[in-house]
């Protein structure tokens, strides 16, 4: 497997506050991380790019002989390390006060993808003809969906759809969610910011990833989000 990604500023924003990184082609384990910053042009980009960098450094180690729980702990500690650094800077620099970022990452070892996330950037598992969202948004609208007050369709256009309930860097500590997914030879993992997921239905993402080469699929996903408005920064990464 390998990871390939693309980010785009979109058609409305004056800056791109999304950031992502992928493992070096051919290296093991295969991993990717995607972040969507918030807190103004400077703060949002600083938060997302710093988080991507520190999180990625946290994976620069040997995973040989690690048990699943130990792998999950590595991911969680990498998130917490990034959170500590971003929050510290936010407290020290007034122009960056209140900044933060979402984070979603997948690390593949053998037949397992380990997924960690904070916020509303998402991970999807594509398995043959089925697509499953692996992550649950940390957001106000997701809470409303969970209690049955609104539907998933209504959540897409809800006025508070951009309000997240957890983020990296806004508090002194953060509680990421971590899970694992069993893979097979037909599996792929999609990581994306809400600049993509707000514009595409699950079955559209499934069809594009199923029917196109990895790089082409990423390009098509981003292009479709742009064609439908591109009101936000757009980032997509496929591990396949």
Protein backbone atom coordinates (compact mmCIF):
# COMPACT_ATOMS: atom_id res chain seq x y z
CA UNK A 1 0.00 0.00 0.00
CA UNK A 2 0.99 3.62 -0.42
CA UNK A 3 -0.49 7.01 0.49
CA UNK A 4 -1.18 9.82 -1.97
CA UNK A 5 -2.84 13.15 -1.23
CA UNK A 6 -3.75 16.57 -2.55
CA UNK A 7 -4.83 19.86 -1.01
CA UNK A 8 -6.49 22.84 -2.68
CA UNK A 9 -7.29 26.33 -1.44
CA UNK A 10 -10.79 26.17 -2.94
CA UNK A 11 -12.64 29.00 -4.67
CA UNK A 12 -13.48 31.29 -1.76
CA UNK A 13 -10.80 31.26 0.95
CA UNK A 14 -7.81 33.60 0.71
CA UNK A 15 -5.45 31.06 2.26
CA UNK A 16 -5.19 27.31 2.68
CA UNK A 17 -5.37 26.33 6.35
CA UNK A 18 -5.38 22.58 5.56
CA UNK A 19 -2.16 20.59 5.90
CA UNK A 20 -1.29 16.96 5.30
CA UNK A 21 1.65 14.56 5.19
CA UNK A 22 2.15 10.99 3.99
CA UNK A 23 4.82 8.39 4.61
CA UNK A 24 7.65 8.04 2.14
CA UNK A 25 6.70 5.75 -0.73
CA UNK A 26 8.01 2.26 0.02
CA UNK A 27 8.51 2.88 3.72
CA UNK A 28 6.74 0.87 6.41
CA UNK A 29 4.42 1.46 8.09
CA UNK A 30 2.32 3.35 5.56
CA UNK A 31 0.61 6.34 7.14
CA UNK A 32 -1.02 9.69 6.43
CA UNK A 33 -2.29 12.61 8.49
CA UNK A 34 -4.71 15.40 7.53
CA UNK A 35 -5.42 18.59 9.50
CA UNK A 36 -7.90 21.46 9.02
CA UNK A 37 -6.79 24.57 10.89
CA UNK A 38 -8.90 27.29 12.47
CA UNK A 39 -8.20 30.65 14.06
CA UNK A 40 -7.65 33.01 11.15
CA UNK A 41 -5.30 32.71 8.19
CA UNK A 42 -2.13 32.81 10.28
CA UNK A 43 -3.39 30.83 13.28
CA UNK A 44 -5.17 28.16 11.26
CA UNK A 45 -2.21 27.44 9.04
CA UNK A 46 0.23 27.51 11.96
CA UNK A 47 -1.93 25.09 13.96
CA UNK A 48 -2.44 22.61 11.13
CA UNK A 49 1.10 22.65 9.77
CA UNK A 50 2.68 22.47 13.22
CA UNK A 51 0.39 19.61 14.20
CA UNK A 52 1.18 17.70 11.02
CA UNK A 53 4.90 18.15 11.62
CA UNK A 54 4.95 17.17 15.29
CA UNK A 55 2.52 14.29 14.79
CA UNK A 56 4.60 12.95 11.89
CA UNK A 57 7.77 13.14 14.00
CA UNK A 58 5.97 11.12 16.64
CA UNK A 59 5.70 8.25 14.17
CA UNK A 60 9.43 8.26 13.41
CA UNK A 61 10.19 5.11 15.35
CA UNK A 62 10.27 1.35 15.01
CA UNK A 63 6.91 -0.39 15.16
CA UNK A 64 8.46 -3.85 15.15
CA UNK A 65 6.84 -6.21 17.66
CA UNK A 66 4.43 -3.58 18.98
CA UNK A 67 1.04 -4.88 20.08
CA UNK A 68 -2.15 -3.21 18.77
CA UNK A 69 -2.74 -1.31 22.01
CA UNK A 70 0.83 -0.04 21.95
CA UNK A 71 0.39 1.20 18.38
CA UNK A 72 -2.78 3.03 19.37
CA UNK A 73 -0.91 4.60 22.29
CA UNK A 74 1.82 5.85 19.94
CA UNK A 75 -0.83 7.62 17.83
CA UNK A 76 -2.55 9.13 20.85
CA UNK A 77 0.74 10.39 22.31
CA UNK A 78 1.69 11.92 18.95
CA UNK A 79 -1.60 13.84 18.98
CA UNK A 80 -1.02 14.98 22.56
CA UNK A 81 2.49 16.13 21.74
CA UNK A 82 1.15 18.29 18.92
CA UNK A 83 -1.63 19.60 21.15
CA UNK A 84 0.84 20.67 23.82
CA UNK A 85 3.02 22.57 21.36
CA UNK A 86 0.15 24.37 19.60
CA UNK A 87 -1.57 25.31 22.85
CA UNK A 88 1.68 26.64 24.34
CA UNK A 89 2.26 28.88 21.32
CA UNK A 90 -1.36 30.02 21.39
CA UNK A 91 -0.92 31.14 24.99
CA UNK A 92 2.38 32.90 24.31
CA UNK A 93 1.53 34.75 21.08
CA UNK A 94 -1.54 36.97 21.13
CA UNK A 95 -1.92 36.96 17.34
CA UNK A 96 -2.26 33.16 17.46
CA UNK A 97 -4.56 33.00 20.49
CA UNK A 98 -7.45 30.59 20.11
CA UNK A 99 -6.03 28.71 17.15
CA UNK A 100 -6.57 25.00 16.73
CA UNK A 101 -6.95 22.25 14.20
CA UNK A 102 -8.71 19.01 13.45
CA UNK A 103 -6.64 15.88 12.89
CA UNK A 104 -7.30 12.54 11.28
CA UNK A 105 -4.65 9.92 10.64
CA UNK A 106 -4.40 6.33 9.53
CA UNK A 107 -1.40 4.05 10.00
CA UNK A 108 -1.37 0.70 8.21
CA UNK A 109 0.51 -2.30 9.57
CA UNK A 110 -0.15 -5.70 8.02
CA UNK A 111 -3.90 -6.14 7.59
CA UNK A 112 -4.87 -3.42 10.07
CA UNK A 113 -5.39 0.34 9.76
CA UNK A 114 -5.11 2.24 13.04
CA UNK A 115 -7.12 5.47 12.91
CA UNK A 116 -6.92 8.42 15.31
CA UNK A 117 -8.90 11.65 15.05
CA UNK A 118 -9.95 14.88 16.72
CA UNK A 119 -12.62 17.15 15.21
CA UNK A 120 -14.63 16.68 12.03
CA UNK A 121 -12.03 15.63 9.47
CA UNK A 122 -12.94 12.10 8.48
CA UNK A 123 -11.63 8.63 7.68
CA UNK A 124 -13.52 6.23 5.43
CA UNK A 125 -12.88 2.55 4.75
CA UNK A 126 -13.58 1.41 1.19
CA UNK A 127 -13.92 -2.36 1.01
CA UNK A 128 -14.92 -3.62 -2.41
CA UNK A 129 -18.37 -2.19 -3.10
CA UNK A 130 -18.91 -0.76 0.39
CA UNK A 131 -17.83 2.48 2.03
CA UNK A 132 -17.94 2.94 5.81
CA UNK A 133 -17.16 6.07 7.78
CA UNK A 134 -14.64 5.03 10.44
CA UNK A 135 -14.69 8.27 12.44
CA UNK A 136 -17.52 10.07 14.23
CA UNK A 137 -17.37 13.86 13.99
CA UNK A 138 -16.64 15.78 17.16
CA UNK A 139 -19.16 18.47 16.25
CA UNK A 140 -22.37 20.14 17.37
CA UNK A 141 -24.37 18.78 14.44
CA UNK A 142 -23.12 15.23 15.03
CA UNK A 143 -24.42 15.46 18.58
CA UNK A 144 -27.80 16.54 17.19
CA UNK A 145 -27.75 13.62 14.75
CA UNK A 146 -26.84 11.20 17.55
CA UNK A 147 -29.87 12.20 19.64
CA UNK A 148 -32.17 12.08 16.62
CA UNK A 149 -32.90 15.80 16.50
CA UNK A 150 -31.71 16.17 12.90
CA UNK A 151 -30.85 13.80 10.05
CA UNK A 152 -27.48 13.37 8.33
CA UNK A 153 -28.92 15.25 5.34
CA UNK A 154 -30.02 18.15 7.54
CA UNK A 155 -26.60 18.20 9.20
CA UNK A 156 -24.99 19.05 5.86
CA UNK A 157 -26.80 22.40 5.66
CA UNK A 158 -27.17 23.17 9.36
CA UNK A 159 -26.02 26.71 10.30
CA UNK A 160 -23.74 25.29 13.01
CA UNK A 161 -22.18 22.58 10.83
CA UNK A 162 -18.70 24.09 11.25
CA UNK A 163 -18.78 24.14 15.05
CA UNK A 164 -16.54 21.38 16.41
CA UNK A 165 -16.50 20.18 20.00
CA UNK A 166 -12.90 18.95 20.09
CA UNK A 167 -9.76 20.31 18.46
CA UNK A 168 -6.01 20.05 18.76
CA UNK A 169 -4.40 23.05 20.45
CA UNK A 170 -7.36 24.89 21.99
CA UNK A 171 -6.95 23.46 25.49
CA UNK A 172 -4.09 22.15 27.58
CA UNK A 173 -5.15 18.57 26.94
CA UNK A 174 -7.05 16.73 24.23
CA UNK A 175 -8.83 13.38 24.04
CA UNK A 176 -8.46 11.80 20.59
CA UNK A 177 -10.57 8.85 19.49
CA UNK A 178 -8.62 5.84 18.24
CA UNK A 179 -9.85 2.68 16.55
CA UNK A 180 -8.70 -0.02 14.14
CA UNK A 181 -10.04 -1.46 10.90
CA UNK A 182 -9.26 -4.83 9.35
CA UNK A 183 -8.19 -4.58 5.71
CA UNK A 184 -8.16 -6.95 2.76
CA UNK A 185 -6.73 -6.78 -0.75
CA UNK A 186 -9.66 -4.62 -1.93
CA UNK A 187 -9.41 -2.11 0.89
CA UNK A 188 -8.61 1.58 0.70
CA UNK A 189 -8.64 4.33 3.33
CA UNK A 190 -9.77 7.87 2.50
CA UNK A 191 -8.83 10.75 4.82
CA UNK A 192 -10.38 14.15 4.14
CA UNK A 193 -11.34 17.54 5.52
CA UNK A 194 -14.91 18.78 5.53
CA UNK A 195 -14.14 20.79 2.40
CA UNK A 196 -14.51 17.45 0.63
CA UNK A 197 -17.07 15.57 2.73
CA UNK A 198 -19.51 18.51 2.73
CA UNK A 199 -19.78 18.32 -1.07
CA UNK A 200 -19.72 14.59 -1.87
CA UNK A 201 -22.05 11.76 -0.93
CA UNK A 202 -20.52 8.54 0.35
CA UNK A 203 -21.54 6.57 -2.73
CA UNK A 204 -19.90 9.15 -4.99
CA UNK A 205 -16.61 8.82 -3.14
CA UNK A 206 -16.92 5.05 -3.32
CA UNK A 207 -17.50 5.05 -7.09
CA UNK A 208 -14.57 7.37 -7.79
CA UNK A 209 -12.14 5.39 -5.64
CA UNK A 210 -13.35 2.06 -7.02
CA UNK A 211 -13.09 3.02 -10.67
CA UNK A 212 -9.89 5.06 -10.84
CA UNK A 213 -6.20 4.74 -10.10
CA UNK A 214 -5.16 6.16 -6.74
CA UNK A 215 -3.74 9.48 -7.99
CA UNK A 216 -6.60 9.99 -10.45
CA UNK A 217 -9.17 9.28 -7.75
CA UNK A 218 -7.70 11.95 -5.46
CA UNK A 219 -7.68 14.47 -8.30
CA UNK A 220 -11.29 13.67 -9.21
CA UNK A 221 -12.51 13.96 -5.63
CA UNK A 222 -10.96 17.39 -5.19
CA UNK A 223 -12.14 18.55 -8.62
CA UNK A 224 -15.71 17.53 -7.89
CA UNK A 225 -15.72 19.46 -4.60
CA UNK A 226 -14.37 22.49 -6.48
CA UNK A 227 -17.00 22.19 -9.20
CA UNK A 228 -19.74 22.13 -6.58
CA UNK A 229 -18.66 25.37 -4.97
CA UNK A 230 -15.31 24.89 -3.29
CA UNK A 231 -16.25 27.23 -0.46
CA UNK A 232 -13.64 25.73 1.86
CA UNK A 233 -10.10 24.39 1.62
CA UNK A 234 -10.15 20.82 0.30
CA UNK A 235 -7.81 17.98 1.24
CA UNK A 236 -8.02 14.30 0.36
CA UNK A 237 -5.60 11.43 0.92
CA UNK A 238 -6.06 7.83 -0.21
CA UNK A 239 -4.11 4.90 1.21
CA UNK A 240 -4.42 1.97 -1.16
